[in-house]
Amino acid sequence: MGFLPKDFFADPQWFRPLYILSGIWSSIGYGSILYLAAISGINPELYESAVLDGASRWQQIRHITLPCIMSTVVIQLIFAVGGIVGNDYQKILLMQSPLNYSTSDVFSTFVYREGILGGSYSYSTAVNLLTSVISVVFLLLANWFAKRAGEEALF
């Protein structure tokens, strides 16, 4: 056709969009099941009352559905914030190549490369411990913000 083939995984500028898109695609199923379960736990009488009061579908979503599933959303956000630093390194490791290290290297892949491949076990353990501490701090901050906002928190 006249087009040259493009190796997207070797191009550093394409790593982040590909990683984000694959993350959305892989988590959409779990998220759908989780939020569908939360929505199915809402009392149907609330919707029936809203229809009798003349509420539109958007008003039902805004005033019934969203407030009822907000605790599920907040808990999911707390877990997501806690896992930011410890991201899905297996996927990054599989997508990574020496050509895209500049954009694909994260703490976990660095620990793997230094500790397992490089044999620097004590250094990689210290870096991994630091990552765990940062993750716990993020988790506690997200929990504190959720509690301050008046929503349900982990503890």
C-alpha atoms as a PDB file:
ATOM      1  CA  MET A   1       0.000   0.000   0.000  1.00  0.00           C
ATOM      2  CA  GLY A   2       2.971   2.304   0.227  1.00  0.00           C
ATOM      3  CA  PHE A   3       3.089   2.557   4.015  1.00  0.00           C
ATOM      4  CA  LEU A   4       6.191   1.647   5.964  1.00  0.00           C
ATOM      5  CA  PRO A   5       5.614  -0.620   8.958  1.00  0.00           C
ATOM      6  CA  LYS A   6       5.785   1.163  12.317  1.00  0.00           C
ATOM      7  CA  ASP A   7       7.158  -0.604  15.384  1.00  0.00           C
ATOM      8  CA  PHE A   8       5.060   1.068  18.070  1.00  0.00           C
ATOM      9  CA  PHE A   9       6.644  -0.791  20.993  1.00  0.00           C
ATOM     10  CA  ALA A  10      10.138   0.335  20.013  1.00  0.00           C
ATOM     11  CA  ASP A  11       9.154   4.013  19.795  1.00  0.00           C
ATOM     12  CA  PRO A  12       9.441   5.737  23.218  1.00  0.00           C
ATOM     13  CA  GLN A  13       6.707   8.259  22.429  1.00  0.00           C
ATOM     14  CA  TRP A  14       4.149   5.466  21.914  1.00  0.00           C
ATOM     15  CA  PHE A  15       4.884   3.568  25.141  1.00  0.00           C
ATOM     16  CA  ARG A  16       2.696   5.645  27.477  1.00  0.00           C
ATOM     17  CA  PRO A  17      -0.396   5.723  25.219  1.00  0.00           C
ATOM     18  CA  LEU A  18      -0.117   1.971  24.607  1.00  0.00           C
ATOM     19  CA  TYR A  19       0.329   1.302  28.329  1.00  0.00           C
ATOM     20  CA  ILE A  20      -2.658   3.463  29.268  1.00  0.00           C
ATOM     21  CA  LEU A  21      -4.908   1.953  26.594  1.00  0.00           C
ATOM     22  CA  SER A  22      -3.978  -1.602  27.572  1.00  0.00           C
ATOM     23  CA  GLY A  23      -4.605  -0.734  31.238  1.00  0.00           C
ATOM     24  CA  ILE A  24      -8.051   0.622  30.455  1.00  0.00           C
ATOM     25  CA  TRP A  25      -8.848  -2.392  28.314  1.00  0.00           C
ATOM     26  CA  SER A  26      -7.695  -4.900  30.934  1.00  0.00           C
ATOM     27  CA  SER A  27      -9.504  -3.242  33.857  1.00  0.00           C
ATOM     28  CA  ILE A  28     -12.801  -2.465  32.163  1.00  0.00           C
ATOM     29  CA  GLY A  29     -14.206  -5.939  32.848  1.00  0.00           C
ATOM     30  CA  TYR A  30     -13.444  -5.937  36.575  1.00  0.00           C
ATOM     31  CA  GLY A  31     -14.723  -2.381  36.942  1.00  0.00           C
ATOM     32  CA  SER A  32     -17.924  -3.226  35.114  1.00  0.00           C
ATOM     33  CA  ILE A  33     -18.628  -6.185  37.384  1.00  0.00           C
ATOM     34  CA  LEU A  34     -17.820  -4.204  40.518  1.00  0.00           C
ATOM     35  CA  TYR A  35     -19.984  -1.198  39.677  1.00  0.00           C
ATOM     36  CA  LEU A  36     -22.803  -3.356  38.309  1.00  0.00           C
ATOM     37  CA  ALA A  37     -22.867  -5.222  41.629  1.00  0.00           C
ATOM     38  CA  ALA A  38     -22.961  -1.910  43.515  1.00  0.00           C
ATOM     39  CA  ILE A  39     -25.785  -0.597  41.318  1.00  0.00           C
ATOM     40  CA  SER A  40     -27.790  -3.809  41.675  1.00  0.00           C
ATOM     41  CA  GLY A  41     -27.622  -3.391  45.458  1.00  0.00           C
ATOM     42  CA  ILE A  42     -29.626  -0.150  45.272  1.00  0.00           C
ATOM     43  CA  ASN A  43     -33.216  -0.476  46.441  1.00  0.00           C
ATOM     44  CA  PRO A  44     -35.525  -0.345  43.362  1.00  0.00           C
ATOM     45  CA  GLU A  45     -38.144   1.505  45.399  1.00  0.00           C
ATOM     46  CA  LEU A  46     -35.901   4.576  45.283  1.00  0.00           C
ATOM     47  CA  TYR A  47     -36.132   4.633  41.494  1.00  0.00           C
ATOM     48  CA  GLU A  48     -39.884   3.987  41.572  1.00  0.00           C
ATOM     49  CA  SER A  49     -40.365   6.907  43.962  1.00  0.00           C
ATOM     50  CA  ALA A  50     -38.238   9.134  41.759  1.00  0.00           C
ATOM     51  CA  VAL A  51     -40.307   8.234  38.686  1.00  0.00           C
ATOM     52  CA  LEU A  52     -43.516   9.045  40.590  1.00  0.00           C
ATOM     53  CA  ASP A  53     -42.009  12.394  41.574  1.00  0.00           C
ATOM     54  CA  GLY A  54     -41.253  13.112  37.907  1.00  0.00           C
ATOM     55  CA  ALA A  55     -37.464  12.674  37.938  1.00  0.00           C
ATOM     56  CA  SER A  56     -35.769  12.206  34.573  1.00  0.00           C
ATOM     57  CA  ARG A  57     -33.241   9.433  34.004  1.00  0.00           C
ATOM     58  CA  TRP A  58     -30.341  11.870  34.494  1.00  0.00           C
ATOM     59  CA  GLN A  59     -31.839  13.109  37.757  1.00  0.00           C
ATOM     60  CA  GLN A  60     -32.180   9.509  38.939  1.00  0.00           C
ATOM     61  CA  ILE A  61     -28.508   8.893  38.135  1.00  0.00           C
ATOM     62  CA  ARG A  62     -27.400  12.117  39.830  1.00  0.00           C
ATOM     63  CA  HIS A  63     -29.535  11.884  42.967  1.00  0.00           C
ATOM     64  CA  ILE A  64     -29.897   8.124  43.501  1.00  0.00           C
ATOM     65  CA  THR A  65     -27.309   6.035  41.658  1.00  0.00           C
ATOM     66  CA  LEU A  66     -24.173   8.130  42.207  1.00  0.00           C
ATOM     67  CA  PRO A  67     -24.715   8.764  45.949  1.00  0.00           C
ATOM     68  CA  CYS A  68     -25.521   5.081  46.510  1.00  0.00           C
ATOM     69  CA  ILE A  69     -22.358   3.781  44.804  1.00  0.00           C
ATOM     70  CA  MET A  70     -20.068   6.563  46.080  1.00  0.00           C
ATOM     71  CA  SER A  71     -18.590   4.378  48.839  1.00  0.00           C
ATOM     72  CA  THR A  72     -17.555   1.791  46.217  1.00  0.00           C
ATOM     73  CA  VAL A  73     -16.035   4.520  44.045  1.00  0.00           C
ATOM     74  CA  VAL A  74     -14.106   6.004  46.981  1.00  0.00           C
ATOM     75  CA  ILE A  75     -12.703   2.638  48.094  1.00  0.00           C
ATOM     76  CA  GLN A  76     -11.615   1.904  44.499  1.00  0.00           C
ATOM     77  CA  LEU A  77      -9.916   5.309  44.300  1.00  0.00           C
ATOM     78  CA  ILE A  78      -8.103   4.709  47.590  1.00  0.00           C
ATOM     79  CA  PHE A  79      -6.798   1.376  46.298  1.00  0.00           C
ATOM     80  CA  ALA A  80      -5.810   2.953  42.974  1.00  0.00           C
ATOM     81  CA  VAL A  81      -3.885   5.766  44.673  1.00  0.00           C
ATOM     82  CA  GLY A  82      -2.137   3.251  46.946  1.00  0.00           C
ATOM     83  CA  GLY A  83      -1.050   1.233  43.917  1.00  0.00           C
ATOM     84  CA  ILE A  84       0.256   4.110  41.798  1.00  0.00           C
ATOM     85  CA  VAL A  85       3.906   3.555  42.667  1.00  0.00           C
ATOM     86  CA  GLY A  86       3.742  -0.239  42.629  1.00  0.00           C
ATOM     87  CA  ASN A  87       2.103  -0.304  39.183  1.00  0.00           C
ATOM     88  CA  ASP A  88       1.597  -3.371  37.021  1.00  0.00           C
ATOM     89  CA  TYR A  89       5.266  -4.021  36.412  1.00  0.00           C
ATOM     90  CA  GLN A  90       4.758  -7.389  34.690  1.00  0.00           C
ATOM     91  CA  LYS A  91       2.953  -5.657  31.843  1.00  0.00           C
ATOM     92  CA  ILE A  92       5.644  -2.970  31.666  1.00  0.00           C
ATOM     93  CA  LEU A  93       8.349  -5.629  31.679  1.00  0.00           C
ATOM     94  CA  LEU A  94       6.676  -7.422  28.768  1.00  0.00           C
ATOM     95  CA  MET A  95       6.229  -4.198  26.779  1.00  0.00           C
ATOM     96  CA  GLN A  96       9.711  -2.891  27.575  1.00  0.00           C
ATOM     97  CA  SER A  97      12.715  -2.950  25.275  1.00  0.00           C
ATOM     98  CA  PRO A  98      16.076  -1.171  25.383  1.00  0.00           C
ATOM     99  CA  LEU A  99      14.702   1.232  22.777  1.00  0.00           C
ATOM    100  CA  ASN A 100      11.988   2.583  25.073  1.00  0.00           C
ATOM    101  CA  TYR A 101      13.764   2.565  28.479  1.00  0.00           C
ATOM    102  CA  SER A 102      13.622   6.365  28.559  1.00  0.00           C
ATOM    103  CA  THR A 103       9.832   6.324  28.987  1.00  0.00           C
ATOM    104  CA  SER A 104       9.105   2.820  30.280  1.00  0.00           C
ATOM    105  CA  ASP A 105      11.477   2.463  33.219  1.00  0.00           C
ATOM    106  CA  VAL A 106       9.705   2.536  36.605  1.00  0.00           C
ATOM    107  CA  PHE A 107      10.770   1.551  40.130  1.00  0.00           C
ATOM    108  CA  SER A 108       9.699  -2.066  39.753  1.00  0.00           C
ATOM    109  CA  THR A 109      11.496  -2.686  36.468  1.00  0.00           C
ATOM    110  CA  PHE A 110      14.555  -0.916  37.856  1.00  0.00           C
ATOM    111  CA  VAL A 111      14.487  -3.202  40.909  1.00  0.00           C
ATOM    112  CA  TYR A 112      14.140  -6.254  38.649  1.00  0.00           C
ATOM    113  CA  ARG A 113      16.990  -5.165  36.400  1.00  0.00           C
ATOM    114  CA  GLU A 114      19.333  -4.220  39.256  1.00  0.00           C
ATOM    115  CA  GLY A 115      18.434  -7.004  41.687  1.00  0.00           C
ATOM    116  CA  ILE A 116      17.693 -10.079  39.596  1.00  0.00           C
ATOM    117  CA  LEU A 117      19.664  -9.387  36.460  1.00  0.00           C
ATOM    118  CA  GLY A 118      22.447  -7.277  37.993  1.00  0.00           C
ATOM    119  CA  GLY A 119      22.907  -9.191  41.240  1.00  0.00           C
ATOM    120  CA  SER A 120      22.728  -6.068  43.429  1.00  0.00           C
ATOM    121  CA  TYR A 121      20.277  -7.550  45.907  1.00  0.00           C
ATOM    122  CA  SER A 122      20.736  -5.154  48.836  1.00  0.00           C
ATOM    123  CA  TYR A 123      20.386  -2.042  46.655  1.00  0.00           C
ATOM    124  CA  SER A 124      17.272  -3.343  44.909  1.00  0.00           C
ATOM    125  CA  THR A 125      15.753  -4.338  48.263  1.00  0.00           C
ATOM    126  CA  ALA A 126      16.296  -0.807  49.585  1.00  0.00           C
ATOM    127  CA  VAL A 127      14.683   0.722  46.491  1.00  0.00           C
ATOM    128  CA  ASN A 128      11.730  -1.662  46.768  1.00  0.00           C
ATOM    129  CA  LEU A 129      11.325  -0.829  50.472  1.00  0.00           C
ATOM    130  CA  LEU A 130      11.247   2.873  49.579  1.00  0.00           C
ATOM    131  CA  THR A 131       8.547   2.162  46.983  1.00  0.00           C
ATOM    132  CA  SER A 132       6.481   0.351  49.601  1.00  0.00           C
ATOM    133  CA  VAL A 133       6.809   3.245  52.040  1.00  0.00           C
ATOM    134  CA  ILE A 134       5.730   5.731  49.361  1.00  0.00           C
ATOM    135  CA  SER A 135       2.737   3.520  48.493  1.00  0.00           C
ATOM    136  CA  VAL A 136       1.654   3.350  52.134  1.00  0.00           C
ATOM    137  CA  VAL A 137       1.953   7.140  52.455  1.00  0.00           C
ATOM    138  CA  PHE A 138      -0.205   7.607  49.337  1.00  0.00           C
ATOM    139  CA  LEU A 139      -2.736   5.105  50.684  1.00  0.00           C
ATOM    140  CA  LEU A 140      -2.948   6.892  54.042  1.00  0.00           C
ATOM    141  CA  LEU A 141      -3.283  10.302  52.364  1.00  0.00           C
ATOM    142  CA  ALA A 142      -6.063   9.088  50.082  1.00  0.00           C
ATOM    143  CA  ASN A 143      -7.843   7.529  53.056  1.00  0.00           C
ATOM    144  CA  TRP A 144      -7.476  10.773  55.032  1.00  0.00           C
ATOM    145  CA  PHE A 145      -8.903  12.820  52.133  1.00  0.00           C
ATOM    146  CA  ALA A 146     -11.827  10.402  51.787  1.00  0.00           C
ATOM    147  CA  LYS A 147     -12.559  10.662  55.498  1.00  0.00           C
ATOM    148  CA  ARG A 148     -12.331  14.478  55.349  1.00  0.00           C
ATOM    149  CA  ALA A 149     -14.732  14.577  52.409  1.00  0.00           C
ATOM    150  CA  GLY A 150     -17.241  12.716  54.553  1.00  0.00           C
ATOM    151  CA  GLU A 151     -17.143   9.576  52.471  1.00  0.00           C
ATOM    152  CA  GLU A 152     -16.501   6.028  53.584  1.00  0.00           C
ATOM    153  CA  ALA A 153     -12.832   5.286  54.263  1.00  0.00           C
ATOM    154  CA  LEU A 154     -10.788   2.152  54.866  1.00  0.00           C
ATOM    155  CA  PHE A 155     -10.164   2.932  58.549  1.00  0.00           C
END
